[in-house]
C-alpha atoms as a PDB file:
ATOM      1  CA  MET A   1     103.040  73.247 225.368  1.00  0.00           C
ATOM      2  CA  ASN A   2      99.477  74.133 224.375  1.00  0.00           C
ATOM      3  CA  ILE A   3      98.557  73.566 220.737  1.00  0.00           C
ATOM      4  CA  ALA A   4      95.442  74.443 218.750  1.00  0.00           C
ATOM      5  CA  ILE A   5      94.377  73.607 215.205  1.00  0.00           C
ATOM      6  CA  ALA A   6      91.915  76.024 213.622  1.00  0.00           C
ATOM      7  CA  GLY A   7      89.930  74.041 211.063  1.00  0.00           C
ATOM      8  CA  ALA A   8      88.845  70.396 211.036  1.00  0.00           C
ATOM      9  CA  GLY A   9      88.984  69.804 207.301  1.00  0.00           C
ATOM     10  CA  ILE A  10      91.200  67.279 205.546  1.00  0.00           C
ATOM     11  CA  ALA A  11      94.513  68.903 206.529  1.00  0.00           C
ATOM     12  CA  GLY A  12      93.521  69.902 210.062  1.00  0.00           C
ATOM     13  CA  GLY A  13      91.831  66.617 210.914  1.00  0.00           C
ATOM     14  CA  TYR A  14      94.673  64.513 209.543  1.00  0.00           C
ATOM     15  CA  LEU A  15      97.305  66.603 211.328  1.00  0.00           C
ATOM     16  CA  ALA A  16      95.443  66.137 214.611  1.00  0.00           C
ATOM     17  CA  GLY A  17      95.632  62.361 214.172  1.00  0.00           C
ATOM     18  CA  LEU A  18      99.330  62.427 213.302  1.00  0.00           C
ATOM     19  CA  LEU A  19     100.159  64.597 216.307  1.00  0.00           C
ATOM     20  CA  GLU A  20      98.146  62.348 218.620  1.00  0.00           C
ATOM     21  CA  GLN A  21     100.332  59.442 217.511  1.00  0.00           C
ATOM     22  CA  ARG A  22     103.360  61.476 218.561  1.00  0.00           C
ATOM     23  CA  GLY A  23     101.935  62.083 222.022  1.00  0.00           C
ATOM     24  CA  ILE A  24     100.733  65.609 221.241  1.00  0.00           C
ATOM     25  CA  SER A  25      97.066  66.349 221.924  1.00  0.00           C
ATOM     26  CA  PRO A  26      95.907  69.542 220.191  1.00  0.00           C
ATOM     27  CA  ASP A  27      92.584  71.273 220.653  1.00  0.00           C
ATOM     28  CA  VAL A  28      90.780  71.350 217.293  1.00  0.00           C
ATOM     29  CA  TYR A  29      88.408  74.229 216.566  1.00  0.00           C
ATOM     30  CA  ASP A  30      85.862  74.249 213.760  1.00  0.00           C
ATOM     31  CA  GLY A  31      82.718  76.344 213.933  1.00  0.00           C
ATOM     32  CA  ARG A  32      82.056  76.557 210.216  1.00  0.00           C
ATOM     33  CA  GLU A  33      78.569  75.701 209.038  1.00  0.00           C
ATOM     34  CA  HIS A  34      78.195  74.954 205.334  1.00  0.00           C
ATOM     35  CA  ALA A  35      74.638  75.279 204.077  1.00  0.00           C
ATOM     36  CA  THR A  36      74.854  72.101 202.027  1.00  0.00           C
ATOM     37  CA  ARG A  37      73.223  68.725 202.271  1.00  0.00           C
ATOM     38  CA  CYS A  38      76.586  67.106 203.050  1.00  0.00           C
ATOM     39  CA  THR A  39      77.649  69.916 205.456  1.00  0.00           C
ATOM     40  CA  CYS A  40      80.879  70.254 203.409  1.00  0.00           C
ATOM     41  CA  ARG A  41      82.128  73.046 201.185  1.00  0.00           C
ATOM     42  CA  SER A  42      81.994  72.580 197.413  1.00  0.00           C
ATOM     43  CA  CYS A  43      84.182  69.593 196.502  1.00  0.00           C
ATOM     44  CA  GLY A  44      83.886  66.775 193.995  1.00  0.00           C
ATOM     45  CA  TRP A  45      84.952  64.126 196.569  1.00  0.00           C
ATOM     46  CA  GLY A  46      87.487  62.818 194.075  1.00  0.00           C
ATOM     47  CA  ALA A  47      90.951  61.590 195.049  1.00  0.00           C
ATOM     48  CA  PRO A  48      93.568  59.060 193.935  1.00  0.00           C
ATOM     49  CA  THR A  49      93.374  55.667 195.600  1.00  0.00           C
ATOM     50  CA  GLY A  50      96.868  56.387 196.918  1.00  0.00           C
ATOM     51  CA  ILE A  51      95.284  58.313 199.785  1.00  0.00           C
ATOM     52  CA  GLY A  52      94.782  54.902 201.374  1.00  0.00           C
ATOM     53  CA  LEU A  53      98.438  54.954 202.443  1.00  0.00           C
ATOM     54  CA  TYR A  54      97.921  58.249 204.260  1.00  0.00           C
ATOM     55  CA  LEU A  55      94.726  57.082 205.928  1.00  0.00           C
ATOM     56  CA  ALA A  56      96.435  53.930 207.163  1.00  0.00           C
ATOM     57  CA  ASP A  57      98.887  56.131 209.076  1.00  0.00           C
ATOM     58  CA  VAL A  58      96.053  57.235 211.366  1.00  0.00           C
ATOM     59  CA  GLY A  59      94.322  53.852 211.572  1.00  0.00           C
ATOM     60  CA  LEU A  60      91.736  54.397 208.832  1.00  0.00           C
ATOM     61  CA  ASP A  61      90.904  52.139 205.880  1.00  0.00           C
ATOM     62  CA  LEU A  62      90.113  53.617 202.458  1.00  0.00           C
ATOM     63  CA  ASP A  63      87.560  50.865 201.839  1.00  0.00           C
ATOM     64  CA  ASP A  64      85.385  52.368 204.584  1.00  0.00           C
ATOM     65  CA  TYR A  65      85.051  55.584 202.568  1.00  0.00           C
ATOM     66  CA  LEU A  66      85.314  54.387 198.974  1.00  0.00           C
ATOM     67  CA  ILE A  67      82.197  55.195 196.946  1.00  0.00           C
ATOM     68  CA  GLU A  68      83.193  54.290 193.429  1.00  0.00           C
ATOM     69  CA  PRO A  69      86.416  53.797 191.467  1.00  0.00           C
ATOM     70  CA  MET A  70      86.833  55.999 188.395  1.00  0.00           C
ATOM     71  CA  SER A  71      89.154  53.575 186.629  1.00  0.00           C
ATOM     72  CA  SER A  72      88.291  55.213 183.312  1.00  0.00           C
ATOM     73  CA  MET A  73      87.338  58.812 182.666  1.00  0.00           C
ATOM     74  CA  ASP A  74      86.336  60.852 179.642  1.00  0.00           C
ATOM     75  CA  PHE A  75      88.651  63.791 178.923  1.00  0.00           C
ATOM     76  CA  ASP A  76      86.972  65.819 176.183  1.00  0.00           C
ATOM     77  CA  GLY A  77      86.093  62.686 174.230  1.00  0.00           C
ATOM     78  CA  LEU A  78      89.208  60.652 175.016  1.00  0.00           C
ATOM     79  CA  VAL A  79      88.702  57.878 177.570  1.00  0.00           C
ATOM     80  CA  ALA A  80      91.791  57.343 179.719  1.00  0.00           C
ATOM     81  CA  THR A  81      92.622  55.093 182.648  1.00  0.00           C
ATOM     82  CA  THR A  82      92.955  56.741 186.062  1.00  0.00           C
ATOM     83  CA  PRO A  83      93.698  55.726 189.674  1.00  0.00           C
ATOM     84  CA  LEU A  84      90.971  58.100 190.852  1.00  0.00           C
ATOM     85  CA  CYS A  85      87.953  57.323 192.984  1.00  0.00           C
ATOM     86  CA  THR A  86      85.218  59.123 194.862  1.00  0.00           C
ATOM     87  CA  VAL A  87      85.267  58.992 198.646  1.00  0.00           C
ATOM     88  CA  HIS A  88      82.624  59.789 201.243  1.00  0.00           C
ATOM     89  CA  LYS A  89      84.223  63.005 202.396  1.00  0.00           C
ATOM     90  CA  PRO A  90      81.784  63.868 205.246  1.00  0.00           C
ATOM     91  CA  ARG A  91      82.325  60.458 206.846  1.00  0.00           C
ATOM     92  CA  LEU A  92      86.090  60.758 206.400  1.00  0.00           C
ATOM     93  CA  LEU A  93      86.174  64.186 208.046  1.00  0.00           C
ATOM     94  CA  GLN A  94      84.138  62.868 210.942  1.00  0.00           C
ATOM     95  CA  ASP A  95      86.462  59.923 211.503  1.00  0.00           C
ATOM     96  CA  LEU A  96      89.652  61.979 211.196  1.00  0.00           C
ATOM     97  CA  THR A  97      88.596  63.910 214.292  1.00  0.00           C
ATOM     98  CA  LYS A  98      86.871  61.041 216.094  1.00  0.00           C
ATOM     99  CA  TYR A  99      89.419  60.988 218.913  1.00  0.00           C
ATOM    100  CA  ALA A 100      90.406  64.658 218.831  1.00  0.00           C
ATOM    101  CA  ARG A 101      89.388  67.297 221.339  1.00  0.00           C
ATOM    102  CA  LEU A 102      87.030  68.870 218.827  1.00  0.00           C
ATOM    103  CA  LYS A 103      85.342  72.146 219.706  1.00  0.00           C
ATOM    104  CA  ARG A 104      82.489  73.188 217.411  1.00  0.00           C
ATOM    105  CA  GLN A 105      83.373  76.850 217.503  1.00  0.00           C
ATOM    106  CA  ASP A 106      85.782  79.202 215.791  1.00  0.00           C
ATOM    107  CA  LEU A 107      89.107  79.949 217.411  1.00  0.00           C
ATOM    108  CA  VAL A 108      88.676  83.613 218.330  1.00  0.00           C
ATOM    109  CA  PRO A 109      91.732  85.837 218.930  1.00  0.00           C
ATOM    110  CA  GLU A 110      91.130  86.035 222.672  1.00  0.00           C
ATOM    111  CA  LYS A 111      91.119  82.239 222.987  1.00  0.00           C
ATOM    112  CA  ALA A 112      94.108  81.864 220.650  1.00  0.00           C
ATOM    113  CA  GLU A 113      96.166  83.679 223.289  1.00  0.00           C
ATOM    114  CA  ASP A 114      96.069  80.466 225.365  1.00  0.00           C
ATOM    115  CA  TYR A 115      98.167  78.509 222.845  1.00  0.00           C
ATOM    116  CA  ASP A 116     101.886  78.386 222.167  1.00  0.00           C
ATOM    117  CA  ILE A 117     101.392  77.047 218.628  1.00  0.00           C
ATOM    118  CA  VAL A 118      98.313  77.642 216.494  1.00  0.00           C
ATOM    119  CA  VAL A 119      97.856  75.853 213.156  1.00  0.00           C
ATOM    120  CA  ASP A 120      95.866  77.673 210.495  1.00  0.00           C
ATOM    121  CA  ALA A 121      93.974  74.898 208.696  1.00  0.00           C
ATOM    122  CA  THR A 122      91.122  77.184 207.666  1.00  0.00           C
ATOM    123  CA  GLY A 123      91.545  76.524 203.950  1.00  0.00           C
ATOM    124  CA  ILE A 124      90.432  79.285 201.622  1.00  0.00           C
ATOM    125  CA  GLY A 125      89.781  81.556 204.621  1.00  0.00           C
ATOM    126  CA  ARG A 126      93.413  81.665 205.806  1.00  0.00           C
ATOM    127  CA  VAL A 127      92.061  83.576 208.790  1.00  0.00           C
ATOM    128  CA  LEU A 128      95.136  83.524 211.050  1.00  0.00           C
ATOM    129  CA  LEU A 129      97.978  84.104 208.608  1.00  0.00           C
ATOM    130  CA  PRO A 130      98.856  87.286 206.690  1.00  0.00           C
ATOM    131  CA  HIS A 131      97.656  87.616 203.104  1.00  0.00           C
ATOM    132  CA  CYS A 132      99.357  85.455 200.473  1.00  0.00           C
ATOM    133  CA  ARG A 133     102.128  87.176 198.561  1.00  0.00           C
ATOM    134  CA  SER A 134     100.107  86.699 195.352  1.00  0.00           C
ATOM    135  CA  ASP A 135      96.777  84.953 195.808  1.00  0.00           C
ATOM    136  CA  LEU A 136      94.731  83.349 193.031  1.00  0.00           C
ATOM    137  CA  THR A 137      91.357  81.710 193.584  1.00  0.00           C
ATOM    138  CA  LEU A 138      89.115  79.613 191.370  1.00  0.00           C
ATOM    139  CA  PRO A 139      85.319  80.136 191.702  1.00  0.00           C
ATOM    140  CA  THR A 140      83.263  76.936 191.524  1.00  0.00           C
ATOM    141  CA  LEU A 141      79.650  75.827 191.379  1.00  0.00           C
ATOM    142  CA  GLN A 142      78.647  72.243 192.061  1.00  0.00           C
ATOM    143  CA  HIS A 143      75.320  70.404 192.024  1.00  0.00           C
ATOM    144  CA  ARG A 144      74.471  67.056 193.504  1.00  0.00           C
ATOM    145  CA  VAL A 145      72.059  65.439 191.062  1.00  0.00           C
ATOM    146  CA  ILE A 146      70.200  62.192 190.523  1.00  0.00           C
ATOM    147  CA  VAL A 147      70.745  61.005 186.957  1.00  0.00           C
ATOM    148  CA  GLU A 148      68.358  58.685 185.153  1.00  0.00           C
ATOM    149  CA  SER A 149      69.331  57.229 181.806  1.00  0.00           C
ATOM    150  CA  ARG A 150      66.794  57.355 178.989  1.00  0.00           C
ATOM    151  CA  GLY A 151      68.423  54.258 177.528  1.00  0.00           C
ATOM    152  CA  SER A 152      70.906  51.614 178.624  1.00  0.00           C
ATOM    153  CA  GLU A 153      73.967  53.858 178.863  1.00  0.00           C
ATOM    154  CA  ARG A 154      75.120  54.997 182.298  1.00  0.00           C
ATOM    155  CA  LEU A 155      76.585  58.477 182.741  1.00  0.00           C
ATOM    156  CA  GLY A 156      80.321  58.070 183.171  1.00  0.00           C
ATOM    157  CA  ALA A 157      82.919  60.099 185.016  1.00  0.00           C
ATOM    158  CA  GLY A 158      84.382  62.908 182.984  1.00  0.00           C
ATOM    159  CA  VAL A 159      86.286  66.164 182.818  1.00  0.00           C
ATOM    160  CA  TYR A 160      85.468  68.576 179.999  1.00  0.00           C
ATOM    161  CA  GLY A 161      87.354  71.750 179.207  1.00  0.00           C
ATOM    162  CA  ASN A 162      85.714  72.262 175.828  1.00  0.00           C
ATOM    163  CA  ARG A 163      82.317  72.973 177.389  1.00  0.00           C
ATOM    164  CA  ILE A 164      83.242  76.283 178.977  1.00  0.00           C
ATOM    165  CA  PRO A 165      85.070  79.463 177.963  1.00  0.00           C
ATOM    166  CA  GLY A 166      88.013  80.741 179.942  1.00  0.00           C
ATOM    167  CA  LEU A 167      90.364  78.714 182.139  1.00  0.00           C
ATOM    168  CA  GLY A 168      88.649  75.763 183.772  1.00  0.00           C
ATOM    169  CA  TYR A 169      86.546  72.682 183.205  1.00  0.00           C
ATOM    170  CA  LEU A 170      83.322  70.853 183.975  1.00  0.00           C
ATOM    171  CA  TRP A 171      83.482  67.655 186.052  1.00  0.00           C
ATOM    172  CA  ILE A 172      81.182  64.676 186.516  1.00  0.00           C
ATOM    173  CA  PHE A 173      81.968  62.446 189.518  1.00  0.00           C
ATOM    174  CA  PRO A 174      79.780  59.454 190.457  1.00  0.00           C
ATOM    175  CA  LEU A 175      78.554  59.135 194.050  1.00  0.00           C
ATOM    176  CA  GLY A 176      76.806  55.763 193.724  1.00  0.00           C
ATOM    177  CA  HIS A 177      73.102  54.885 193.347  1.00  0.00           C
ATOM    178  CA  ASP A 178      72.722  57.225 190.343  1.00  0.00           C
ATOM    179  CA  HIS A 179      73.879  60.240 192.359  1.00  0.00           C
ATOM    180  CA  TYR A 180      76.580  62.503 190.918  1.00  0.00           C
ATOM    181  CA  HIS A 181      78.489  65.659 191.594  1.00  0.00           C
ATOM    182  CA  VAL A 182      78.386  67.840 188.497  1.00  0.00           C
ATOM    183  CA  GLY A 183      80.343  71.052 188.786  1.00  0.00           C
ATOM    184  CA  ILE A 184      82.158  73.845 187.020  1.00  0.00           C
ATOM    185  CA  GLY A 185      85.270  75.705 188.064  1.00  0.00           C
ATOM    186  CA  GLY A 186      86.874  78.437 186.054  1.00  0.00           C
ATOM    187  CA  ILE A 187      88.740  81.716 186.204  1.00  0.00           C
ATOM    188  CA  GLY A 188      86.998  84.489 184.300  1.00  0.00           C
ATOM    189  CA  LEU A 189      83.527  82.918 184.385  1.00  0.00           C
ATOM    190  CA  LEU A 190      80.588  85.085 185.397  1.00  0.00           C
ATOM    191  CA  GLN A 191      77.604  82.747 185.032  1.00  0.00           C
ATOM    192  CA  HIS A 192      78.376  79.264 186.319  1.00  0.00           C
ATOM    193  CA  ASP A 193      74.633  78.503 186.622  1.00  0.00           C
ATOM    194  CA  THR A 194      74.046  79.222 182.945  1.00  0.00           C
ATOM    195  CA  LEU A 195      76.867  76.906 181.909  1.00  0.00           C
ATOM    196  CA  LEU A 196      75.595  74.025 184.055  1.00  0.00           C
ATOM    197  CA  GLU A 197      72.064  74.455 182.744  1.00  0.00           C
ATOM    198  CA  ARG A 198      73.454  74.364 179.221  1.00  0.00           C
ATOM    199  CA  PHE A 199      75.166  71.041 180.001  1.00  0.00           C
ATOM    200  CA  TYR A 200      71.915  69.583 181.346  1.00  0.00           C
ATOM    201  CA  ARG A 201      70.059  70.683 178.200  1.00  0.00           C
ATOM    202  CA  ASP A 202      72.716  69.283 175.895  1.00  0.00           C
ATOM    203  CA  ALA A 203      72.601  65.911 177.683  1.00  0.00           C
ATOM    204  CA  SER A 204      68.807  65.807 178.115  1.00  0.00           C
ATOM    205  CA  GLY A 205      68.350  63.488 175.145  1.00  0.00           C
ATOM    206  CA  GLN A 206      70.250  60.741 176.979  1.00  0.00           C
ATOM    207  CA  PHE A 207      69.753  61.561 180.664  1.00  0.00           C
ATOM    208  CA  SER A 208      67.420  63.344 183.040  1.00  0.00           C
ATOM    209  CA  PHE A 209      68.878  65.349 185.944  1.00  0.00           C
ATOM    210  CA  THR A 210      67.155  65.997 189.270  1.00  0.00           C
ATOM    211  CA  ARG A 211      69.008  68.491 191.408  1.00  0.00           C
ATOM    212  CA  GLN A 212      69.358  67.643 195.102  1.00  0.00           C
ATOM    213  CA  CYS A 213      71.495  70.555 196.276  1.00  0.00           C
ATOM    214  CA  GLY A 214      74.089  73.011 195.063  1.00  0.00           C
ATOM    215  CA  CYS A 215      76.846  75.210 196.401  1.00  0.00           C
ATOM    216  CA  HIS A 216      79.264  77.884 195.286  1.00  0.00           C
ATOM    217  CA  GLY A 217      82.859  77.868 196.457  1.00  0.00           C
ATOM    218  CA  LEU A 218      86.390  79.128 195.989  1.00  0.00           C
ATOM    219  CA  VAL A 219      89.576  77.083 195.625  1.00  0.00           C
ATOM    220  CA  ARG A 220      93.019  78.566 196.234  1.00  0.00           C
ATOM    221  CA  VAL A 221      95.173  77.783 193.191  1.00  0.00           C
ATOM    222  CA  ALA A 222      97.967  80.212 194.064  1.00  0.00           C
ATOM    223  CA  SER A 223     100.534  77.434 194.736  1.00  0.00           C
ATOM    224  CA  PRO A 224     102.561  77.275 197.980  1.00  0.00           C
ATOM    225  CA  TYR A 225     105.309  79.498 196.570  1.00  0.00           C
ATOM    226  CA  TYR A 226     102.863  82.358 196.064  1.00  0.00           C
ATOM    227  CA  SER A 227     101.034  81.575 199.341  1.00  0.00           C
ATOM    228  CA  THR A 228     103.938  82.471 201.609  1.00  0.00           C
ATOM    229  CA  PRO A 229     104.395  83.232 204.438  1.00  0.00           C
ATOM    230  CA  PHE A 230     103.521  79.842 205.902  1.00  0.00           C
ATOM    231  CA  SER A 231     104.204  80.952 209.473  1.00  0.00           C
ATOM    232  CA  VAL A 232     104.501  84.014 211.681  1.00  0.00           C
ATOM    233  CA  ARG A 233     105.975  84.523 215.128  1.00  0.00           C
ATOM    234  CA  LYS A 234     104.016  86.734 217.496  1.00  0.00           C
ATOM    235  CA  THR A 235     104.280  88.042 221.028  1.00  0.00           C
ATOM    236  CA  ARG A 236     101.238  87.473 223.194  1.00  0.00           C
ATOM    237  CA  SER A 237      99.824  90.049 225.591  1.00  0.00           C
ATOM    238  CA  ASP A 238     101.756  88.477 228.481  1.00  0.00           C
ATOM    239  CA  GLY A 239     105.005  88.803 226.553  1.00  0.00           C
ATOM    240  CA  SER A 240     105.367  85.089 225.726  1.00  0.00           C
ATOM    241  CA  PRO A 241     106.068  83.917 222.147  1.00  0.00           C
ATOM    242  CA  GLN A 242     103.548  82.274 219.851  1.00  0.00           C
ATOM    243  CA  VAL A 243     103.918  80.612 216.458  1.00  0.00           C
ATOM    244  CA  ILE A 244     101.154  80.411 213.856  1.00  0.00           C
ATOM    245  CA  ILE A 245     101.703  77.839 211.090  1.00  0.00           C
ATOM    246  CA  GLY A 246      99.551  77.152 208.039  1.00  0.00           C
ATOM    247  CA  VAL A 247      98.738  73.765 206.526  1.00  0.00           C
ATOM    248  CA  GLY A 248      96.847  72.511 203.481  1.00  0.00           C
ATOM    249  CA  GLU A 249      94.854  74.849 201.280  1.00  0.00           C
ATOM    250  CA  SER A 250      95.542  77.805 203.572  1.00  0.00           C
ATOM    251  CA  ILE A 251      99.094  77.699 202.165  1.00  0.00           C
ATOM    252  CA  GLY A 252      98.081  76.696 198.643  1.00  0.00           C
ATOM    253  CA  THR A 253      98.648  72.923 198.444  1.00  0.00           C
ATOM    254  CA  VAL A 254      96.197  72.551 195.564  1.00  0.00           C
ATOM    255  CA  SER A 255      97.069  71.768 191.950  1.00  0.00           C
ATOM    256  CA  PRO A 256      96.604  75.038 190.024  1.00  0.00           C
ATOM    257  CA  PHE A 257      95.704  73.087 186.864  1.00  0.00           C
ATOM    258  CA  THR A 258      93.093  70.732 188.317  1.00  0.00           C
ATOM    259  CA  GLY A 259      92.008  72.117 191.693  1.00  0.00           C
ATOM    260  CA  GLU A 260      92.850  68.718 193.198  1.00  0.00           C
ATOM    261  CA  GLY A 261      93.814  69.118 196.833  1.00  0.00           C
ATOM    262  CA  ILE A 262      92.799  66.221 199.073  1.00  0.00           C
ATOM    263  CA  VAL A 263      95.936  64.115 198.713  1.00  0.00           C
ATOM    264  CA  TYR A 264      98.199  67.181 198.750  1.00  0.00           C
ATOM    265  CA  SER A 265      96.596  68.432 201.964  1.00  0.00           C
ATOM    266  CA  LEU A 266      97.281  65.043 203.542  1.00  0.00           C
ATOM    267  CA  GLU A 267     100.877  65.170 202.345  1.00  0.00           C
ATOM    268  CA  CYS A 268     101.302  68.721 203.609  1.00  0.00           C
ATOM    269  CA  ALA A 269      99.998  67.742 207.047  1.00  0.00           C
ATOM    270  CA  ARG A 270     102.486  64.885 207.139  1.00  0.00           C
ATOM    271  CA  LEU A 271     105.329  67.276 206.275  1.00  0.00           C
ATOM    272  CA  LEU A 272     104.294  69.513 209.161  1.00  0.00           C
ATOM    273  CA  ALA A 273     104.075  66.604 211.596  1.00  0.00           C
ATOM    274  CA  ASP A 274     107.484  65.312 210.496  1.00  0.00           C
ATOM    275  CA  SER A 275     109.141  68.703 211.000  1.00  0.00           C
ATOM    276  CA  TRP A 276     107.201  69.623 214.134  1.00  0.00           C
ATOM    277  CA  PRO A 277     107.572  72.217 215.535  1.00  0.00           C
ATOM    278  CA  ASN A 278     110.173  73.843 213.268  1.00  0.00           C
ATOM    279  CA  PRO A 279     108.466  76.264 210.839  1.00  0.00           C
ATOM    280  CA  GLU A 280     111.656  76.951 208.887  1.00  0.00           C
ATOM    281  CA  ASP A 281     112.287  73.268 208.122  1.00  0.00           C
ATOM    282  CA  TYR A 282     108.610  72.866 207.282  1.00  0.00           C
ATOM    283  CA  THR A 283     108.656  75.786 204.846  1.00  0.00           C
ATOM    284  CA  ARG A 284     111.667  74.364 203.025  1.00  0.00           C
ATOM    285  CA  SER A 285     110.017  70.929 202.823  1.00  0.00           C
ATOM    286  CA  VAL A 286     106.748  72.269 201.428  1.00  0.00           C
ATOM    287  CA  LEU A 287     108.392  74.529 198.852  1.00  0.00           C
ATOM    288  CA  GLY A 288     110.631  71.688 197.710  1.00  0.00           C
ATOM    289  CA  ARG A 289     107.914  69.042 197.541  1.00  0.00           C
ATOM    290  CA  PHE A 290     105.390  71.225 195.725  1.00  0.00           C
ATOM    291  CA  ALA A 291     107.755  73.180 193.469  1.00  0.00           C
ATOM    292  CA  TRP A 292     105.807  71.872 190.459  1.00  0.00           C
ATOM    293  CA  MET A 293     102.749  73.826 191.632  1.00  0.00           C
ATOM    294  CA  LYS A 294     104.721  77.057 191.178  1.00  0.00           C
ATOM    295  CA  LYS A 295     105.250  76.158 187.514  1.00  0.00           C
ATOM    296  CA  GLU A 296     101.556  75.408 187.025  1.00  0.00           C
ATOM    297  CA  ARG A 297     100.638  78.729 188.626  1.00  0.00           C
ATOM    298  CA  GLU A 298     103.014  80.528 186.285  1.00  0.00           C
ATOM    299  CA  THR A 299     101.276  78.858 183.338  1.00  0.00           C
ATOM    300  CA  LEU A 300      97.927  80.177 184.592  1.00  0.00           C
ATOM    301  CA  ASP A 301      99.404  83.650 184.969  1.00  0.00           C
ATOM    302  CA  TYR A 302     100.662  83.491 181.388  1.00  0.00           C
ATOM    303  CA  LEU A 303      97.308  82.322 180.010  1.00  0.00           C
ATOM    304  CA  LEU A 304      95.556  85.123 181.903  1.00  0.00           C
ATOM    305  CA  SER A 305      97.940  87.711 180.460  1.00  0.00           C
ATOM    306  CA  PRO A 306      97.544  89.472 177.088  1.00  0.00           C
ATOM    307  CA  GLU A 307     100.374  87.309 175.711  1.00  0.00           C
ATOM    308  CA  GLY A 308      98.452  84.170 176.653  1.00  0.00           C
ATOM    309  CA  LYS A 309      95.530  84.928 174.358  1.00  0.00           C
ATOM    310  CA  SER A 310      97.311  82.956 171.639  1.00  0.00           C
ATOM    311  CA  GLY A 311      97.086  79.783 173.736  1.00  0.00           C
ATOM    312  CA  PRO A 312      99.450  77.572 175.725  1.00  0.00           C
ATOM    313  CA  ARG A 313     103.149  77.393 174.892  1.00  0.00           C
ATOM    314  CA  LEU A 314     105.119  74.172 174.537  1.00  0.00           C
ATOM    315  CA  ARG A 315     106.282  74.400 178.158  1.00  0.00           C
ATOM    316  CA  ASP A 316     102.661  74.799 179.303  1.00  0.00           C
ATOM    317  CA  ARG A 317     101.581  71.708 177.395  1.00  0.00           C
ATOM    318  CA  TRP A 318     104.507  69.795 178.878  1.00  0.00           C
ATOM    319  CA  ARG A 319     103.441  70.855 182.384  1.00  0.00           C
ATOM    320  CA  PHE A 320      99.941  69.592 181.667  1.00  0.00           C
ATOM    321  CA  PHE A 321     101.332  66.250 180.538  1.00  0.00           C
ATOM    322  CA  CYS A 322     103.428  66.078 183.734  1.00  0.00           C
ATOM    323  CA  ASN A 323     100.298  66.811 185.762  1.00  0.00           C
ATOM    324  CA  ALA A 324      98.439  63.941 184.095  1.00  0.00           C
ATOM    325  CA  ARG A 325     101.385  61.602 184.623  1.00  0.00           C
ATOM    326  CA  ARG A 326     101.738  62.675 188.275  1.00  0.00           C
ATOM    327  CA  SER A 327      98.048  61.945 188.830  1.00  0.00           C
ATOM    328  CA  GLY A 328      98.385  58.519 187.194  1.00  0.00           C
ATOM    329  CA  ILE A 329      96.083  59.428 184.298  1.00  0.00           C
ATOM    330  CA  GLY A 330      96.878  57.390 181.204  1.00  0.00           C
ATOM    331  CA  LEU A 331      96.938  60.172 178.606  1.00  0.00           C
ATOM    332  CA  PRO A 332      99.502  59.658 175.824  1.00  0.00           C
ATOM    333  CA  MET A 333     101.835  62.630 175.481  1.00  0.00           C
ATOM    334  CA  LEU A 334     100.426  63.894 172.181  1.00  0.00           C
ATOM    335  CA  GLU A 335      96.860  63.607 173.438  1.00  0.00           C
ATOM    336  CA  ALA A 336      97.785  65.386 176.671  1.00  0.00           C
ATOM    337  CA  PHE A 337      99.280  68.183 174.596  1.00  0.00           C
ATOM    338  CA  LYS A 338      96.008  68.472 172.659  1.00  0.00           C
ATOM    339  CA  ARG A 339      93.879  68.405 175.823  1.00  0.00           C
ATOM    340  CA  MET A 340      95.902  71.245 177.280  1.00  0.00           C
ATOM    341  CA  GLY A 341      94.509  73.367 174.503  1.00  0.00           C
ATOM    342  CA  SER A 342      90.907  72.666 175.533  1.00  0.00           C
ATOM    343  CA  LEU A 343      91.216  72.387 179.299  1.00  0.00           C
ATOM    344  CA  SER A 344      92.897  75.775 179.399  1.00  0.00           C
ATOM    345  CA  ARG A 345      91.176  77.357 176.423  1.00  0.00           C
ATOM    346  CA  TRP A 346      90.895  81.118 176.342  1.00  0.00           C
ATOM    347  CA  MET A 347      88.119  82.550 174.184  1.00  0.00           C
ATOM    348  CA  GLU A 348      87.957  86.147 173.047  1.00  0.00           C
ATOM    349  CA  GLY A 349      84.815  88.134 173.672  1.00  0.00           C
ATOM    350  CA  PRO A 350      82.531  88.596 176.698  1.00  0.00           C
ATOM    351  CA  ASP A 351      82.596  86.088 179.534  1.00  0.00           C
ATOM    352  CA  VAL A 352      79.663  83.734 179.800  1.00  0.00           C
END
């Protein structure tokens, strides 16, 4: 059986390693060129330290990629404990495919005919699967900056929903040696650059910022439920059957509230490897495991609707608290309920 994986990102690279351990050697295709200093798409490089368990499954050690723990983080003025950290994502992607048959080119339709099973791990592109049943994407802008303190205080990690209008937040993730990712993601925003420049001006009394690079991006926050179908069965030109199966962000395994996707892409790849090669079992597993993402997506839909202009409901605040608890963030329930109001704030008037 010939197998190809289109996309060598987190989900595709990890799946290749898992399949290799099962005696299956896929061809991995990735011809994408990102015009960024790190060669990666826009991403904060943040993840929970729990990804170490997933990496160990393919012989990798989190310590080899760990940049900096974010054991405490500022959430709109409230400092909370977290299990989060920043990881060297480019190095991790390289090592995930170190032993794979990696081809630095896109999997074109003519070449895809050679494979019995093709995995769509193309992320936001979802180039091999049909359109999602109800897609929703989050535009982002991220800068890599060097930060110098004008005093003794170091810029800390943080997530701020009260700095932007609409649905979204601003993030600050440390990359070591005074380097940071500072970014904004939000639905309904028109001028991400203006909002970032405003943040730099507001913080200029304490810190100076030297921009190294920047990139725009999109994150699929549709949830798996609204990203179906996960697979399609086709007939090739010679009459033989072919299955195309999606994994990771291509099928929406990203938290709609936070845009966090690294650990969920790893988990999704593991679900596919464990059910290989049964797409029906895999679909049931993914929908069951990530059912909570459907609820978060429905909260976003409500807040984007005319009824949502009045702000989040009790159930929406509860979902935000569950998200914080699931991520290991130490926000007390009442504070989480308050933060839901700022991290998902909707402001009347023109978009900024």
